[in-house]
Amino acid sequence: MLHRSNLTSKFQLRRLAYATVGLLWLLAPPQSATAAEQVIIASTGGAYDRALKEAWFDPFTKATGIEVVTVVATNAEMRAKASAMVKTGNVTWDLYLDGEIQAASKAHREVTEDLTGFCQQFADRKDLGPHACAAGGALLQSTATLLAYHVGKPGDPVPETWADMWDMQKFPGGRAFPNFDDPWRVMAAALLADGVSRDKLFPLDVDRALKKLDEIRPAISIWWKTGDQSVQGFRNGDYSLGQIWLTRAKAMQSEGLPIGWSYKASFLVGDRIALIKGAPHHDNALKLIAFWLNSPEVQAKACAILSCTPPSSDAVALIPEDIRKTMPSAGDIRDYIVVPDADWINANAAMLLQCWNSWIRQ
């Protein structure tokens, strides 16, 4: 039998323990407040996200205390998910990255918040271009979709044009093309390979493009849906020439992989940061966008890793010269790089996708 004094001592110790726990709970920040200090952004993952985390997300969290939570999805999945969330009123993401062409479309406007009012604070910034912040979102970066290739021995021929992509005798090996809900760039490459001049590319001749793609179809060893798939395919030796994003090619080159690319076979593209209607962390999301546009040093660090062009000219000046040399020059844009007709692509998006899906399933 326990002595009364022992029972009293145990009771006092228990009370002390409960009091200590209660004091610690009072001193700790409330869980609901902690959970609210976050922002959720969807991106395509892999090397791209790692660069953004290092250059943008982590410094933002350090400066504000707001945690940046990333969700990985393909571009098609992001658009579909954002649309579904808005339609059902169950929005769990705040931001997602969308292509600059898609960000000008009606479908994009239906699911994202108009940032026109928010953008007014950047109107007098001389380092930002007139479209750095627009209704459909803030410009994250501009880059290229281009012909990338496995670098061979010194003296080996180097592919430069989309016609070279089709030349299996001179440049043997597997090929890679993207296959997601944005097929215009594959069709455009086929037309350029078939002799269409850059200034006559749009409107796209879809039938002619698909006929040209019939020629190369047996050599295509990977139809990638994400940037990570294009990277892994190159690492595995699945393809020797491929149409991929410059940001992914640069990340592979930085890792020491033998990859090169040609601006003579490239399309100018970009990403925008879009705010979803009904975003649960609306104000934090706007803070994250503003932090990007207001931080040339952050933009410079991200684009130095990815070889992209940031929205701020001050950021461009901060990128080391050796890295700037790998980025598209004004001459490349003037002479080679195709600037797509966004209005035509958006107006014909459904037709392009229907024709593409019919062809790819054959």
Protein backbone atom coordinates (compact mmCIF):
# COMPACT_ATOMS: atom_id res chain seq x y z
CA MET A 1 0.00 0.00 0.00
CA LEU A 2 1.34 3.47 -0.94
CA HIS A 3 1.94 5.92 1.89
CA ARG A 4 -0.20 9.12 1.85
CA SER A 5 2.96 11.29 1.64
CA ASN A 6 4.10 9.43 -1.47
CA LEU A 7 0.70 9.97 -3.08
CA THR A 8 0.85 13.68 -2.20
CA SER A 9 4.35 13.99 -3.70
CA LYS A 10 3.27 12.29 -6.93
CA PHE A 11 0.21 14.53 -7.16
CA GLN A 12 2.37 17.63 -6.70
CA LEU A 13 4.81 16.46 -9.37
CA ARG A 14 1.95 15.83 -11.78
CA ARG A 15 0.53 19.30 -11.15
CA LEU A 16 3.99 20.78 -11.78
CA ALA A 17 4.28 18.84 -15.04
CA TYR A 18 0.86 20.01 -16.23
CA ALA A 19 1.73 23.59 -15.31
CA THR A 20 5.01 23.38 -17.24
CA VAL A 21 3.26 22.01 -20.31
CA GLY A 22 0.66 24.75 -20.07
CA LEU A 23 3.35 27.43 -19.81
CA LEU A 24 5.19 26.04 -22.83
CA TRP A 25 1.91 26.00 -24.80
CA LEU A 26 1.30 29.66 -23.95
CA LEU A 27 4.81 30.63 -25.00
CA ALA A 28 4.61 28.72 -28.30
CA PRO A 29 2.99 30.40 -31.31
CA PRO A 30 -0.56 29.21 -31.99
CA GLN A 31 -0.70 26.45 -34.60
CA SER A 32 -3.35 28.25 -36.64
CA ALA A 33 -1.18 31.37 -36.95
CA THR A 34 1.85 29.31 -37.96
CA ALA A 35 -0.12 27.41 -40.58
CA ALA A 36 -1.43 30.69 -42.04
CA GLU A 37 2.08 32.03 -42.63
CA GLN A 38 2.64 30.18 -45.86
CA VAL A 39 2.02 30.44 -49.56
CA ILE A 40 1.44 27.49 -51.90
CA ILE A 41 2.80 27.61 -55.44
CA ALA A 42 2.62 24.96 -58.16
CA SER A 43 5.59 24.46 -60.46
CA THR A 44 7.13 21.77 -62.66
CA GLY A 45 9.65 20.47 -60.14
CA GLY A 46 13.21 19.22 -60.45
CA ALA A 47 16.13 21.52 -61.26
CA TYR A 48 13.76 24.39 -62.03
CA ASP A 49 12.21 24.32 -58.57
CA ARG A 50 15.57 23.87 -56.88
CA ALA A 51 16.84 27.01 -58.56
CA LEU A 52 13.75 28.99 -57.55
CA LYS A 53 13.97 27.70 -53.98
CA GLU A 54 17.60 28.68 -53.60
CA ALA A 55 17.32 32.07 -55.26
CA TRP A 56 13.76 33.18 -54.46
CA PHE A 57 11.75 31.09 -52.00
CA ASP A 58 14.35 30.71 -49.24
CA PRO A 59 15.35 34.42 -49.19
CA PHE A 60 11.65 35.35 -49.15
CA THR A 61 11.01 33.11 -46.15
CA LYS A 62 14.04 34.52 -44.36
CA ALA A 63 12.85 38.09 -44.97
CA THR A 64 9.16 37.57 -44.15
CA GLY A 65 8.79 34.38 -42.11
CA ILE A 66 6.31 33.09 -44.71
CA GLU A 67 6.96 29.51 -45.75
CA VAL A 68 6.80 28.73 -49.48
CA VAL A 69 5.22 25.33 -50.10
CA THR A 70 5.71 23.93 -53.61
CA VAL A 71 3.43 21.51 -55.42
CA VAL A 72 4.79 19.64 -58.44
CA ALA A 73 2.63 19.14 -61.53
CA THR A 74 2.86 19.26 -65.29
CA ASN A 75 1.69 22.43 -67.04
CA ALA A 76 -1.45 20.66 -68.24
CA GLU A 77 -2.18 19.38 -64.72
CA MET A 78 -1.71 22.86 -63.26
CA ARG A 79 -4.22 24.42 -65.66
CA ALA A 80 -6.75 21.64 -65.14
CA LYS A 81 -6.36 21.68 -61.36
CA ALA A 82 -6.63 25.47 -61.10
CA SER A 83 -9.78 25.44 -63.23
CA ALA A 84 -11.36 22.65 -61.19
CA MET A 85 -10.55 24.34 -57.88
CA VAL A 86 -12.14 27.62 -58.94
CA LYS A 87 -15.24 25.91 -60.35
CA THR A 88 -15.82 23.91 -57.16
CA GLY A 89 -14.87 26.73 -54.80
CA ASN A 90 -12.30 24.49 -53.13
CA VAL A 91 -9.06 26.36 -53.80
CA THR A 92 -6.01 24.95 -52.05
CA TRP A 93 -3.23 26.52 -54.17
CA ASP A 94 -2.35 30.21 -54.27
CA LEU A 95 -0.10 30.54 -57.30
CA TYR A 96 0.95 28.53 -60.31
CA LEU A 97 3.40 29.07 -63.14
CA ASP A 98 1.90 29.25 -66.61
CA GLY A 99 3.33 29.92 -70.02
CA GLU A 100 3.26 33.51 -71.17
CA ILE A 101 1.11 32.61 -74.18
CA GLN A 102 -1.48 30.80 -72.06
CA ALA A 103 -1.49 33.66 -69.55
CA ALA A 104 -3.07 35.86 -72.23
CA SER A 105 -5.91 33.44 -72.95
CA LYS A 106 -9.57 33.65 -71.96
CA ALA A 107 -9.35 30.33 -70.11
CA HIS A 108 -6.52 31.70 -67.98
CA ARG A 109 -8.43 34.86 -67.12
CA GLU A 110 -11.41 32.82 -65.95
CA VAL A 111 -9.44 31.13 -63.16
CA THR A 112 -6.91 33.78 -62.15
CA GLU A 113 -7.14 37.12 -60.44
CA ASP A 114 -6.66 40.23 -62.56
CA LEU A 115 -3.42 41.80 -61.29
CA THR A 116 -3.86 45.14 -63.06
CA GLY A 117 -4.34 47.05 -59.80
CA PHE A 118 -1.50 45.25 -58.07
CA CYS A 119 0.80 45.99 -61.02
CA GLN A 120 0.36 49.77 -60.74
CA GLN A 121 3.04 49.93 -58.03
CA PHE A 122 5.64 48.86 -60.62
CA ALA A 123 4.54 51.25 -63.38
CA ASP A 124 7.37 53.74 -62.80
CA ARG A 125 10.13 51.16 -62.52
CA LYS A 126 12.56 51.92 -65.34
CA ASP A 127 14.31 48.57 -64.99
CA LEU A 128 11.09 46.61 -65.66
CA GLY A 129 9.61 46.29 -69.12
CA PRO A 130 6.02 47.42 -69.78
CA HIS A 131 4.72 43.85 -69.54
CA ALA A 132 6.73 42.68 -66.54
CA CYS A 133 3.55 42.81 -64.49
CA ALA A 134 0.25 42.33 -66.33
CA ALA A 135 -3.33 41.28 -65.80
CA GLY A 136 -2.53 37.59 -66.32
CA GLY A 137 0.42 37.52 -63.93
CA ALA A 138 3.92 38.76 -63.26
CA LEU A 139 6.74 37.74 -65.60
CA LEU A 140 8.97 35.16 -63.97
CA GLN A 141 11.47 34.83 -66.79
CA SER A 142 11.89 34.59 -70.54
CA THR A 143 13.73 31.69 -72.10
CA ALA A 144 13.64 29.46 -75.16
CA THR A 145 12.36 26.11 -76.30
CA LEU A 146 15.13 24.92 -78.55
CA LEU A 147 17.16 22.21 -80.21
CA ALA A 148 19.52 20.61 -77.68
CA TYR A 149 21.99 17.87 -78.50
CA HIS A 150 24.60 15.51 -77.14
CA VAL A 151 28.04 17.05 -77.64
CA GLY A 152 30.29 14.62 -79.53
CA LYS A 153 34.00 14.50 -80.18
CA PRO A 154 35.92 17.60 -81.33
CA GLY A 155 35.43 17.99 -85.06
CA ASP A 156 32.09 16.19 -85.15
CA PRO A 157 29.31 18.03 -87.02
CA VAL A 158 27.05 20.10 -84.79
CA PRO A 159 23.29 20.33 -85.40
CA GLU A 160 22.04 23.90 -85.70
CA THR A 161 18.64 23.94 -87.39
CA TRP A 162 15.37 22.04 -87.17
CA ALA A 163 16.26 20.49 -90.54
CA ASP A 164 19.26 18.95 -88.79
CA MET A 165 16.87 17.38 -86.29
CA TRP A 166 15.32 15.48 -89.21
CA ASP A 167 18.70 14.44 -90.70
CA MET A 168 19.12 10.93 -89.31
CA GLN A 169 22.18 10.09 -91.44
CA LYS A 170 24.27 13.08 -90.40
CA PHE A 171 23.02 13.08 -86.81
CA PRO A 172 22.04 9.53 -85.79
CA GLY A 173 20.36 8.67 -82.49
CA GLY A 174 17.06 8.99 -80.73
CA ARG A 175 14.94 12.14 -80.76
CA ALA A 176 12.80 13.83 -78.10
CA PHE A 177 9.80 16.13 -78.37
CA PRO A 178 7.31 17.43 -75.79
CA ASN A 179 3.82 16.01 -75.64
CA PHE A 180 1.47 18.10 -73.53
CA ASP A 181 -1.44 20.45 -74.14
CA ASP A 182 0.68 22.98 -76.06
CA PRO A 183 1.69 21.35 -79.37
CA TRP A 184 2.30 24.47 -81.46
CA ARG A 185 6.09 24.41 -80.89
CA VAL A 186 6.46 20.85 -82.24
CA MET A 187 4.39 21.70 -85.31
CA ALA A 188 6.34 24.92 -85.82
CA ALA A 189 9.66 23.05 -85.69
CA ALA A 190 8.37 20.60 -88.31
CA LEU A 191 7.34 23.43 -90.63
CA LEU A 192 10.70 25.17 -90.28
CA ALA A 193 12.43 21.83 -90.99
CA ASP A 194 10.25 21.55 -94.11
CA GLY A 195 11.47 24.89 -95.44
CA VAL A 196 8.88 27.37 -94.19
CA SER A 197 10.52 30.72 -93.47
CA ARG A 198 10.32 32.28 -90.04
CA ASP A 199 8.22 35.23 -91.20
CA LYS A 200 5.67 32.91 -92.89
CA LEU A 201 5.34 30.46 -89.99
CA PHE A 202 2.02 31.72 -88.61
CA PRO A 203 -0.73 30.79 -89.12
CA LEU A 204 0.59 27.23 -88.80
CA ASP A 205 -0.12 24.81 -91.63
CA VAL A 206 -1.15 21.94 -89.35
CA ASP A 207 -1.56 19.28 -92.07
CA ARG A 208 1.87 20.03 -93.51
CA ALA A 209 3.43 19.97 -90.04
CA LEU A 210 1.98 16.58 -89.14
CA LYS A 211 3.03 15.15 -92.49
CA LYS A 212 6.60 16.28 -91.79
CA LEU A 213 6.41 14.77 -88.30
CA ASP A 214 5.45 11.44 -89.87
CA GLU A 215 8.99 11.31 -91.27
CA ILE A 216 10.71 11.55 -87.90
CA ARG A 217 8.18 9.68 -85.78
CA PRO A 218 10.03 6.29 -85.81
CA ALA A 219 13.13 7.99 -84.32
CA ILE A 220 11.34 9.66 -81.43
CA SER A 221 12.31 7.70 -78.34
CA ILE A 222 10.77 9.99 -75.74
CA TRP A 223 7.68 12.18 -75.73
CA TRP A 224 8.29 14.14 -72.55
CA LYS A 225 5.57 15.73 -70.46
CA THR A 226 7.74 17.42 -67.83
CA GLY A 227 11.11 19.11 -67.84
CA ASP A 228 12.40 16.42 -65.50
CA GLN A 229 11.48 13.73 -68.04
CA SER A 230 13.48 15.55 -70.72
CA VAL A 231 16.46 15.72 -68.35
CA GLN A 232 16.23 12.07 -67.33
CA GLY A 233 15.89 11.01 -70.96
CA PHE A 234 19.14 12.78 -71.82
CA ARG A 235 20.92 11.31 -68.78
CA ASN A 236 19.79 7.82 -69.79
CA GLY A 237 20.96 8.29 -73.38
CA ASP A 238 17.42 7.93 -74.69
CA TYR A 239 17.94 10.72 -77.21
CA SER A 240 20.79 12.55 -78.94
CA LEU A 241 18.76 15.51 -80.21
CA GLY A 242 15.66 16.93 -78.63
CA GLN A 243 13.35 19.90 -78.36
CA ILE A 244 13.59 20.93 -74.71
CA TRP A 245 13.58 24.05 -72.54
CA LEU A 246 16.79 26.06 -72.36
CA THR A 247 16.43 26.22 -68.56
CA ARG A 248 16.67 22.41 -68.37
CA ALA A 249 19.53 22.24 -70.87
CA LYS A 250 21.49 24.82 -68.88
CA ALA A 251 20.88 22.94 -65.63
CA MET A 252 22.26 19.76 -67.22
CA GLN A 253 25.29 21.60 -68.59
CA SER A 254 25.94 23.02 -65.12
CA GLU A 255 25.94 19.44 -63.80
CA GLY A 256 28.70 18.60 -66.27
CA LEU A 257 26.58 16.67 -68.77
CA PRO A 258 27.73 16.92 -72.43
CA ILE A 259 24.90 18.99 -73.80
CA GLY A 260 24.81 21.91 -76.22
CA TRP A 261 22.05 23.88 -77.92
CA SER A 262 21.35 26.10 -80.89
CA TYR A 263 19.54 29.43 -80.94
CA LYS A 264 19.13 28.99 -84.69
CA ALA A 265 16.41 26.47 -83.82
CA SER A 266 14.50 28.10 -80.99
CA PHE A 267 11.26 29.72 -79.91
CA LEU A 268 11.01 32.55 -77.39
CA VAL A 269 8.80 31.55 -74.46
CA GLY A 270 8.35 32.63 -70.87
CA ASP A 271 6.57 31.90 -67.61
CA ARG A 272 4.22 34.06 -65.60
CA ILE A 273 3.27 33.83 -61.94
CA ALA A 274 -0.52 33.62 -61.79
CA LEU A 275 -2.73 34.17 -58.71
CA ILE A 276 -5.69 31.80 -58.51
CA LYS A 277 -9.10 33.27 -57.73
CA GLY A 278 -10.01 32.56 -54.11
CA ALA A 279 -6.41 31.79 -53.11
CA PRO A 280 -6.36 30.84 -49.40
CA HIS A 281 -3.18 32.85 -48.72
CA HIS A 282 -3.99 35.74 -51.04
CA ASP A 283 -1.94 38.47 -49.33
CA ASN A 284 1.09 36.23 -48.84
CA ALA A 285 0.93 35.30 -52.52
CA LEU A 286 1.06 38.96 -53.54
CA LYS A 287 4.01 39.47 -51.19
CA LEU A 288 5.88 36.63 -52.91
CA ILE A 289 5.23 38.14 -56.36
CA ALA A 290 6.28 41.62 -55.18
CA PHE A 291 9.44 40.18 -53.62
CA TRP A 292 10.41 38.72 -57.01
CA LEU A 293 9.80 41.91 -58.98
CA ASN A 294 11.47 44.10 -56.33
CA SER A 295 14.62 41.96 -56.02
CA PRO A 296 16.95 42.17 -59.03
CA GLU A 297 19.59 40.21 -57.10
CA VAL A 298 17.12 37.35 -56.58
CA GLN A 299 16.17 37.33 -60.27
CA ALA A 300 19.85 37.39 -61.24
CA LYS A 301 20.69 34.41 -59.05
CA ALA A 302 17.84 32.31 -60.42
CA CYS A 303 18.59 33.15 -64.05
CA ALA A 304 22.30 32.62 -63.59
CA ILE A 305 21.46 29.03 -62.65
CA LEU A 306 18.86 28.53 -65.40
CA SER A 307 20.27 30.76 -68.18
CA CYS A 308 17.00 32.66 -68.44
CA THR A 309 16.35 36.35 -68.97
CA PRO A 310 14.87 38.04 -65.87
CA PRO A 311 12.24 40.79 -66.07
CA SER A 312 14.55 43.44 -64.59
CA SER A 313 17.35 44.94 -66.67
CA ASP A 314 19.18 45.60 -63.39
CA ALA A 315 19.07 41.85 -62.78
CA VAL A 316 20.56 41.14 -66.21
CA ALA A 317 23.49 43.41 -65.33
CA LEU A 318 24.11 41.40 -62.15
CA ILE A 319 24.46 38.07 -64.00
CA PRO A 320 28.15 37.13 -64.46
CA GLU A 321 29.45 37.82 -67.95
CA ASP A 322 30.41 34.21 -68.68
CA ILE A 323 26.82 33.16 -67.99
CA ARG A 324 25.33 36.04 -69.98
CA LYS A 325 27.21 34.71 -73.00
CA THR A 326 25.11 31.53 -72.89
CA MET A 327 21.86 33.51 -73.00
CA PRO A 328 20.11 34.60 -76.21
CA SER A 329 21.57 37.83 -77.55
CA ALA A 330 19.73 40.66 -79.27
CA GLY A 331 21.22 39.37 -82.52
CA ASP A 332 19.88 35.86 -81.88
CA ILE A 333 16.40 37.25 -81.32
CA ARG A 334 16.66 39.46 -84.42
CA ASP A 335 18.01 36.81 -86.77
CA TYR A 336 16.91 33.38 -85.55
CA ILE A 337 14.64 33.06 -82.55
CA VAL A 338 10.96 32.75 -83.40
CA VAL A 339 8.59 34.94 -81.40
CA PRO A 340 5.30 33.00 -81.52
CA ASP A 341 1.99 34.57 -82.47
CA ALA A 342 0.26 34.30 -79.09
CA ASP A 343 -3.07 35.63 -80.35
CA TRP A 344 -3.27 33.03 -83.12
CA ILE A 345 -2.18 30.19 -80.82
CA ASN A 346 -4.79 31.07 -78.18
CA ALA A 347 -7.53 31.50 -80.76
CA ASN A 348 -6.75 28.08 -82.25
CA ALA A 349 -5.69 26.18 -79.13
CA ALA A 350 -8.60 23.73 -79.19
CA MET A 351 -8.12 22.92 -82.87
CA LEU A 352 -4.36 22.43 -82.44
CA LEU A 353 -4.83 20.09 -79.50
CA GLN A 354 -7.53 18.06 -81.26
CA CYS A 355 -5.35 17.60 -84.36
CA TRP A 356 -2.33 16.77 -82.22
CA ASN A 357 -4.12 14.19 -80.08
CA SER A 358 -5.55 12.53 -83.16
CA TRP A 359 -2.06 12.27 -84.68
CA ILE A 360 -0.19 11.17 -81.57
CA ARG A 361 -2.66 8.34 -80.91
CA GLN A 362 -2.24 6.79 -84.36
